[in-house]
Amino acid sequence: MTTAGKRRILIVDDDQRIIQLLSEHFKERYTVDIAMDSGEALAIVRRQRPDLVLLDIMLPGISGIHLLREMKRVDTAIKVVMISGSDNATLAADALQHGAATYVAKPFDLQRLDWLVSAVVATPSRKESD
């Protein structure tokens, strides 16, 4: 958690419109960091340790699933919500198997996403509950 008491969210997406929409939507309640590629996202995770990552599954270079695995190597307790333009059940299962808290298909309903983010952030991680 940041010193101002706000939880920190990292939004990772290569679509500037999604970054803008989500950062505007969440900025009142959360400290929002953004990344448009995997290298930037991993650097932020290492430096900031966000409370939650909203992670696009389709990124240039490496997949969101691969990035999820890398984030879990940095911090096993990190909470990740995968976001995808595909409603492919196999992708969703793969994301959950690799440690994502949940999976949301685009286009998403902001009210539902709000509820999911609040629920995931409020859930103690294994590290916090030990």
Protein backbone atom coordinates (compact mmCIF):
# COMPACT_ATOMS: atom_id res chain seq x y z
CA MET A 1 0.00 0.00 0.00
CA THR A 2 1.24 3.50 -0.74
CA THR A 3 2.06 6.00 1.97
CA ALA A 4 -1.08 8.01 1.17
CA GLY A 5 -3.16 4.97 2.14
CA LYS A 6 -4.33 4.23 -1.40
CA ARG A 7 -3.84 0.78 -2.83
CA ARG A 8 -1.66 0.59 -5.95
CA ILE A 9 -2.87 -0.85 -9.26
CA LEU A 10 -0.71 -1.57 -12.29
CA ILE A 11 -2.51 -1.58 -15.65
CA VAL A 12 -0.65 -3.47 -18.39
CA ASP A 13 -2.04 -3.20 -21.90
CA ASP A 14 -0.66 -2.29 -25.31
CA ASP A 15 -3.87 -0.44 -26.25
CA GLN A 16 -3.61 3.21 -25.23
CA ARG A 17 -7.42 3.53 -25.16
CA ILE A 18 -7.72 0.75 -22.57
CA ILE A 19 -4.89 2.28 -20.50
CA GLN A 20 -6.65 5.67 -20.59
CA LEU A 21 -10.09 4.25 -19.78
CA LEU A 22 -8.91 2.15 -16.84
CA SER A 23 -6.51 4.70 -15.37
CA GLU A 24 -9.21 7.41 -15.47
CA HIS A 25 -11.73 5.03 -13.94
CA PHE A 26 -9.54 3.87 -11.05
CA LYS A 27 -7.46 6.98 -10.28
CA GLU A 28 -9.83 8.34 -7.60
CA ARG A 29 -9.57 5.25 -5.39
CA TYR A 30 -6.18 3.82 -6.30
CA THR A 31 -2.68 4.93 -7.15
CA VAL A 32 -2.42 3.86 -10.78
CA ASP A 33 0.73 2.86 -12.63
CA ILE A 34 0.69 1.95 -16.31
CA ALA A 35 2.86 -0.16 -18.59
CA MET A 36 2.49 -0.88 -22.27
CA ASP A 37 4.98 -3.74 -22.49
CA SER A 38 6.32 -6.61 -20.41
CA GLY A 39 9.71 -5.09 -19.57
CA GLU A 40 8.16 -1.93 -18.19
CA ALA A 41 5.57 -3.97 -16.28
CA LEU A 42 8.19 -6.20 -14.63
CA ALA A 43 10.26 -3.16 -13.65
CA ILE A 44 7.22 -1.60 -11.97
CA VAL A 45 6.36 -4.86 -10.18
CA ARG A 46 9.92 -5.11 -8.85
CA ARG A 47 10.05 -1.45 -7.79
CA GLN A 48 6.49 -0.70 -6.64
CA ARG A 49 4.98 -4.07 -5.65
CA PRO A 50 1.43 -3.14 -6.70
CA ASP A 51 -1.53 -4.50 -4.76
CA LEU A 52 -3.14 -5.62 -8.03
CA VAL A 53 -2.20 -5.95 -11.69
CA LEU A 54 -4.75 -5.68 -14.50
CA LEU A 55 -2.93 -7.59 -17.23
CA ASP A 56 -3.84 -7.92 -20.89
CA ILE A 57 -3.31 -11.46 -22.08
CA MET A 58 -2.22 -10.45 -25.61
CA LEU A 59 0.90 -8.29 -25.46
CA PRO A 60 3.53 -7.76 -28.14
CA GLY A 61 6.65 -9.81 -27.60
CA ILE A 62 5.65 -12.16 -24.81
CA SER A 63 2.17 -13.27 -23.84
CA GLY A 64 0.37 -12.05 -20.77
CA ILE A 65 0.50 -15.62 -19.44
CA HIS A 66 4.30 -15.60 -19.67
CA LEU A 67 4.40 -12.18 -17.99
CA LEU A 68 2.07 -13.49 -15.26
CA ARG A 69 4.53 -16.31 -14.57
CA GLU A 70 7.42 -13.83 -14.43
CA MET A 71 5.49 -11.59 -12.01
CA LYS A 72 4.79 -14.59 -9.78
CA ARG A 73 8.54 -15.33 -9.70
CA VAL A 74 9.14 -11.78 -8.44
CA ASP A 75 6.31 -11.92 -5.89
CA THR A 76 4.30 -15.10 -5.37
CA ALA A 77 1.58 -13.16 -3.55
CA ILE A 78 0.95 -10.64 -6.34
CA LYS A 79 -2.71 -10.44 -7.35
CA VAL A 80 -3.41 -10.42 -11.07
CA VAL A 81 -6.65 -10.01 -13.02
CA MET A 82 -6.20 -11.11 -16.63
CA ILE A 83 -8.03 -9.13 -19.32
CA SER A 84 -8.47 -10.41 -22.85
CA GLY A 85 -10.17 -9.57 -26.11
CA SER A 86 -10.84 -13.29 -26.41
CA ASP A 87 -13.35 -15.31 -24.43
CA ASN A 88 -11.30 -18.46 -25.09
CA ALA A 89 -11.90 -20.88 -22.21
CA THR A 90 -8.46 -22.44 -22.67
CA LEU A 91 -6.75 -19.06 -22.21
CA ALA A 92 -8.84 -18.39 -19.13
CA ALA A 93 -7.98 -21.79 -17.64
CA ASP A 94 -4.28 -21.27 -18.43
CA ALA A 95 -4.33 -17.85 -16.72
CA LEU A 96 -6.01 -19.26 -13.61
CA GLN A 97 -3.65 -22.25 -13.53
CA HIS A 98 -0.67 -19.88 -13.50
CA GLY A 99 -1.98 -17.85 -10.59
CA ALA A 100 -4.36 -15.22 -11.93
CA ALA A 101 -7.11 -14.33 -9.45
CA THR A 102 -9.69 -14.11 -12.23
CA TYR A 103 -10.13 -13.54 -15.96
CA VAL A 104 -12.24 -10.86 -17.64
CA ALA A 105 -13.11 -10.73 -21.35
CA LYS A 106 -13.20 -7.48 -23.35
CA PRO A 107 -15.39 -5.61 -23.76
CA PHE A 108 -15.79 -5.54 -20.01
CA ASP A 109 -18.41 -3.86 -17.90
CA LEU A 110 -16.65 -1.23 -15.74
CA GLN A 111 -19.05 -1.75 -12.86
CA ARG A 112 -18.34 -5.50 -12.83
CA LEU A 113 -14.60 -4.86 -13.17
CA ASP A 114 -14.83 -2.40 -10.27
CA TRP A 115 -16.45 -5.06 -8.12
CA LEU A 116 -13.83 -7.68 -9.11
CA VAL A 117 -10.93 -5.32 -8.40
CA SER A 118 -12.34 -4.43 -4.98
CA ALA A 119 -12.93 -8.09 -4.15
CA VAL A 120 -9.47 -9.23 -5.26
CA VAL A 121 -7.67 -6.37 -3.50
CA ALA A 122 -9.59 -7.09 -0.28
CA THR A 123 -8.76 -10.80 -0.33
CA PRO A 124 -5.68 -11.56 1.77
CA SER A 125 -2.92 -13.21 -0.23
CA ARG A 126 -1.25 -16.33 1.09
CA LYS A 127 1.70 -14.17 2.09
CA GLU A 128 -0.52 -11.71 4.07
CA SER A 129 -2.45 -14.45 5.86
CA ASP A 130 0.62 -16.44 6.98
